[in-house]
Amino acid sequence: QVQLVESGGGSVQAGGSLRLSCAASGYMYSSTCMAWFRRAPGKEREGVAVICADGSTTYADFVKGRFTVSRDSAKNSLYLQMNSLKAEDTGMYYCAAGSFVGGHYYAPIDGRDFHYWGQGTQVTVSS
């Protein structure tokens, strides 16, 4: 069983930055990929970024060039550096984890692929 706990959310002005963290506990297979998702008010959940154990990454088009996903396997931690934030980035951000054949993940990012979820951390960007 894997447990995920997010932190680092908050309120920021448009153009600002935030760094989200996700601490994972429990056994993580070498084929595990970890991801960030978000849900804006009144909208469906959408995938933001994925990183796998081999360091390969997948990003949603709307965050490319602004967000960077990283992980520290030794600390079982996942991070999301968010720069040039926009009001439309506002929402609850969730950390997720799952095991994938060969340890690879391919776009599009789909929440149904991930088995473990955190409780979320709120990000609010004011314009």
Protein backbone atom coordinates (compact mmCIF):
# COMPACT_ATOMS: atom_id res chain seq x y z
CA GLN A 1 0.00 0.00 0.00
CA VAL A 2 1.29 3.43 -0.96
CA GLN A 3 0.26 6.61 0.84
CA LEU A 4 0.77 10.04 -0.67
CA VAL A 5 0.73 13.39 1.12
CA GLU A 6 0.92 16.67 -0.79
CA SER A 7 2.16 20.02 0.51
CA GLY A 8 3.29 23.39 -0.77
CA GLY A 9 0.06 24.82 -2.08
CA GLY A 10 -0.96 28.39 -1.37
CA SER A 11 -1.99 31.70 -2.85
CA VAL A 12 0.17 33.60 -5.32
CA GLN A 13 -0.14 36.45 -7.78
CA ALA A 14 -0.21 35.72 -11.50
CA GLY A 15 3.32 35.40 -12.81
CA GLY A 16 4.54 33.99 -9.51
CA SER A 17 5.88 30.57 -8.59
CA LEU A 18 5.07 27.71 -6.24
CA ARG A 19 6.72 24.38 -5.55
CA LEU A 20 4.52 21.45 -4.64
CA SER A 21 5.82 18.39 -2.84
CA CYS A 22 4.43 14.89 -2.42
CA ALA A 23 5.79 12.51 0.20
CA ALA A 24 5.23 8.83 -0.52
CA SER A 25 5.30 6.03 2.01
CA GLY A 26 5.13 2.32 1.34
CA TYR A 27 6.92 0.17 -1.19
CA MET A 28 7.50 1.74 -4.60
CA TYR A 29 8.26 -0.68 -7.41
CA SER A 30 10.93 0.20 -9.94
CA SER A 31 8.17 0.34 -12.54
CA THR A 32 6.34 3.09 -10.64
CA CYS A 33 5.49 6.36 -12.29
CA MET A 34 4.26 9.34 -10.28
CA ALA A 35 2.06 12.14 -11.48
CA TRP A 36 0.41 15.45 -10.72
CA PHE A 37 -3.22 16.08 -11.54
CA ARG A 38 -5.41 19.06 -10.87
CA ARG A 39 -9.08 19.89 -10.65
CA ALA A 40 -10.22 23.45 -11.21
CA PRO A 41 -13.55 24.61 -9.76
CA GLY A 42 -16.39 23.33 -11.91
CA LYS A 43 -14.07 21.39 -14.21
CA GLU A 44 -12.98 17.80 -14.60
CA ARG A 45 -9.70 16.49 -13.29
CA GLU A 46 -6.82 16.85 -15.73
CA GLY A 47 -3.34 15.45 -15.87
CA VAL A 48 -0.47 17.87 -15.44
CA ALA A 49 2.77 15.89 -15.51
CA VAL A 50 4.17 12.40 -15.07
CA ILE A 51 7.65 11.20 -14.13
CA CYS A 52 8.82 7.61 -14.10
CA ALA A 53 11.62 5.91 -12.21
CA ASP A 54 13.98 6.23 -15.17
CA GLY A 55 13.48 10.01 -15.15
CA SER A 56 11.36 10.16 -18.27
CA THR A 57 8.64 12.82 -18.16
CA THR A 58 5.34 13.60 -19.83
CA TYR A 59 3.63 16.99 -19.64
CA ALA A 60 0.24 18.34 -20.55
CA ASP A 61 0.53 20.90 -23.33
CA PHE A 62 -0.87 23.69 -21.16
CA VAL A 63 2.08 23.51 -18.71
CA LYS A 64 4.99 22.87 -21.05
CA GLY A 65 7.74 25.39 -20.49
CA ARG A 66 6.22 26.59 -17.20
CA PHE A 67 6.07 23.54 -14.92
CA THR A 68 8.81 21.05 -14.12
CA VAL A 69 8.20 17.68 -12.47
CA SER A 70 10.98 15.93 -10.57
CA ARG A 71 11.37 13.14 -8.05
CA ASP A 72 13.85 12.08 -5.41
CA SER A 73 13.68 8.30 -5.28
CA ALA A 74 15.89 8.11 -2.20
CA LYS A 75 13.37 10.26 -0.33
CA ASN A 76 10.31 8.77 -2.06
CA SER A 77 9.27 12.29 -2.96
CA LEU A 78 7.73 13.99 -5.96
CA TYR A 79 7.89 17.68 -6.78
CA LEU A 80 6.23 20.13 -9.14
CA GLN A 81 7.93 23.46 -9.74
CA MET A 82 5.34 25.85 -11.14
CA ASN A 83 6.52 29.10 -12.71
CA SER A 84 4.71 31.85 -14.60
CA LEU A 85 1.49 30.88 -12.90
CA LYS A 86 -1.79 31.97 -14.43
CA ALA A 87 -5.23 32.42 -12.91
CA GLU A 88 -6.39 29.34 -14.84
CA ASP A 89 -3.84 27.24 -12.92
CA THR A 90 -6.02 27.64 -9.84
CA GLY A 91 -7.30 24.35 -8.44
CA MET A 92 -6.69 21.41 -6.19
CA TYR A 93 -3.49 19.60 -7.10
CA TYR A 94 -3.19 15.88 -6.48
CA CYS A 95 -0.25 13.52 -6.39
CA ALA A 96 -0.76 10.04 -7.83
CA ALA A 97 1.28 6.88 -8.32
CA GLY A 98 0.96 3.70 -10.33
CA SER A 99 2.93 0.80 -11.77
CA PHE A 100 3.34 0.49 -15.50
CA VAL A 101 4.75 -2.18 -17.79
CA GLY A 102 8.40 -1.47 -18.39
CA GLY A 103 8.19 1.54 -16.09
CA HIS A 104 7.16 3.85 -18.94
CA TYR A 105 4.19 6.13 -19.37
CA TYR A 106 2.80 7.67 -22.52
CA ALA A 107 0.52 10.63 -23.16
CA PRO A 108 -2.27 11.43 -22.82
CA ILE A 109 -2.17 11.56 -19.03
CA ASP A 110 -5.19 9.72 -17.70
CA GLY A 111 -6.14 9.51 -14.03
CA ARG A 112 -7.66 6.06 -14.54
CA ASP A 113 -4.12 4.71 -15.01
CA PHE A 114 -3.08 5.59 -11.45
CA HIS A 115 -3.93 3.52 -8.40
CA TYR A 116 -2.82 5.66 -5.46
CA TRP A 117 -3.87 9.22 -4.71
CA GLY A 118 -3.15 11.91 -2.17
CA GLN A 119 -5.71 14.22 -0.59
CA GLY A 120 -4.61 17.27 -2.57
CA THR A 121 -3.19 20.72 -1.94
CA GLN A 122 -4.92 23.94 -3.00
CA VAL A 123 -3.29 26.37 -5.41
CA THR A 124 -4.88 29.78 -5.91
CA VAL A 125 -3.52 32.22 -8.47
CA SER A 126 -4.95 35.73 -8.46
CA SER A 127 -4.77 37.98 -11.49
